[in-house]
Amino acid sequence: MDKMKMAQEESKEKLARILVDGQSENGGVKVVVNGNREVKQVYYTPEFFETADKESIEELTMIALNRALEKAEAIFTEEMSGVAKGIMPNIPGMGNMFGK
């Protein structure tokens, strides 16, 4: 069990260094999150605020955030499944579970 906990911690550290972004349709909003699904930065172009009202700022920020989180979730899931594969005991006949 300690081996699994150590592998998970190593993966979390690795995921903390992986950054992905999501943008709104018009590119006025960009959100950066890491592989652990933590929001690291939110960017707005200067032009965005010239034409955006409160509702569009909120809506486009949510769109950009959700896009970034979708990418981060895919990376997180892939990394954690790799950890599980590396720790699973080598049981005869079980190799096909992971495409082996």
Protein backbone atom coordinates (compact mmCIF):
# COMPACT_ATOMS: atom_id res chain seq x y z
CA MET A 1 0.00 0.00 0.00
CA ASP A 2 2.89 2.37 0.68
CA LYS A 3 4.09 1.85 -2.88
CA MET A 4 0.70 2.98 -4.19
CA LYS A 5 0.64 6.06 -1.96
CA MET A 6 4.15 7.03 -3.08
CA ALA A 7 3.20 6.55 -6.74
CA GLN A 8 0.11 8.72 -6.28
CA GLU A 9 2.14 11.47 -4.64
CA GLU A 10 4.70 11.39 -7.45
CA SER A 11 1.89 11.62 -9.98
CA LYS A 12 0.32 14.58 -8.17
CA GLU A 13 3.66 16.38 -8.25
CA LYS A 14 3.99 15.64 -11.95
CA LEU A 15 0.43 16.79 -12.64
CA ALA A 16 1.07 20.05 -10.77
CA ARG A 17 3.69 20.92 -13.41
CA ILE A 18 1.43 20.18 -16.40
CA LEU A 19 -0.52 23.24 -17.54
CA VAL A 20 -3.46 23.29 -19.96
CA ASP A 21 -5.70 26.12 -21.03
CA GLY A 22 -9.22 26.76 -22.19
CA GLN A 23 -10.43 29.77 -24.12
CA SER A 24 -13.73 31.41 -24.86
CA GLU A 25 -14.96 31.48 -28.46
CA ASN A 26 -13.76 35.02 -29.06
CA GLY A 27 -10.41 34.45 -27.33
CA GLY A 28 -11.12 37.25 -24.87
CA VAL A 29 -10.87 34.89 -21.90
CA LYS A 30 -8.20 32.29 -21.25
CA VAL A 31 -8.00 30.08 -18.16
CA VAL A 32 -4.94 28.01 -17.23
CA VAL A 33 -5.24 24.99 -14.92
CA ASN A 34 -2.78 22.31 -13.92
CA GLY A 35 -3.16 18.55 -14.20
CA ASN A 36 -4.49 18.44 -10.64
CA ARG A 37 -7.39 20.60 -11.84
CA GLU A 38 -6.27 23.68 -9.92
CA VAL A 39 -6.87 27.08 -11.54
CA LYS A 40 -3.52 28.80 -11.94
CA GLN A 41 -4.31 31.89 -14.04
CA VAL A 42 -7.18 33.74 -15.67
CA TYR A 43 -6.45 36.14 -18.54
CA TYR A 44 -8.66 38.74 -20.18
CA THR A 45 -7.63 40.68 -23.25
CA PRO A 46 -7.84 44.46 -22.83
CA GLU A 47 -10.30 44.63 -25.73
CA PHE A 48 -12.60 42.15 -24.03
CA PHE A 49 -13.58 44.61 -21.31
CA GLU A 50 -14.38 47.32 -23.86
CA THR A 51 -17.38 45.40 -25.15
CA ALA A 52 -18.24 42.84 -22.44
CA ASP A 53 -20.96 43.28 -19.88
CA LYS A 54 -21.16 41.49 -16.52
CA GLU A 55 -23.15 38.55 -17.90
CA SER A 56 -20.79 37.93 -20.82
CA ILE A 57 -17.76 38.14 -18.55
CA GLU A 58 -19.27 35.51 -16.26
CA GLU A 59 -20.48 33.26 -19.09
CA LEU A 60 -17.28 33.36 -21.13
CA THR A 61 -15.15 32.83 -18.01
CA MET A 62 -17.17 29.70 -17.19
CA ILE A 63 -16.83 28.43 -20.76
CA ALA A 64 -13.05 28.91 -20.73
CA LEU A 65 -12.77 27.35 -17.28
CA ASN A 66 -14.84 24.31 -18.22
CA ARG A 67 -12.77 23.75 -21.37
CA ALA A 68 -9.54 23.89 -19.39
CA LEU A 69 -10.92 21.57 -16.71
CA GLU A 70 -12.01 19.02 -19.34
CA LYS A 71 -8.44 18.87 -20.65
CA ALA A 72 -7.02 18.64 -17.13
CA GLU A 73 -9.45 15.87 -16.19
CA ALA A 74 -8.37 13.80 -19.20
CA ILE A 75 -4.70 14.20 -18.24
CA PHE A 76 -5.45 13.41 -14.58
CA THR A 77 -7.41 10.26 -15.47
CA GLU A 78 -4.68 9.04 -17.82
CA GLU A 79 -1.96 9.61 -15.22
CA MET A 80 -3.89 7.90 -12.41
CA SER A 81 -4.76 4.89 -14.56
CA GLY A 82 -1.05 4.58 -15.35
CA VAL A 83 -0.31 4.54 -11.62
CA ALA A 84 -2.90 1.80 -11.08
CA LYS A 85 -1.47 -0.29 -13.93
CA GLY A 86 2.04 0.01 -12.54
CA ILE A 87 0.99 -1.16 -9.11
CA MET A 88 -1.39 -3.99 -10.02
CA PRO A 89 0.11 -7.39 -9.30
CA ASN A 90 1.02 -9.53 -12.28
CA ILE A 91 -1.85 -12.03 -12.08
CA PRO A 92 -1.87 -14.66 -14.85
CA GLY A 93 -4.78 -14.14 -17.22
CA MET A 94 -5.39 -10.56 -16.08
CA GLY A 95 -3.06 -8.89 -18.60
CA ASN A 96 -5.87 -8.24 -21.07
CA MET A 97 -7.55 -5.87 -18.61
CA PHE A 98 -5.01 -3.20 -19.52
CA GLY A 99 -4.39 -4.02 -23.13
CA LYS A 100 -1.39 -6.29 -22.52
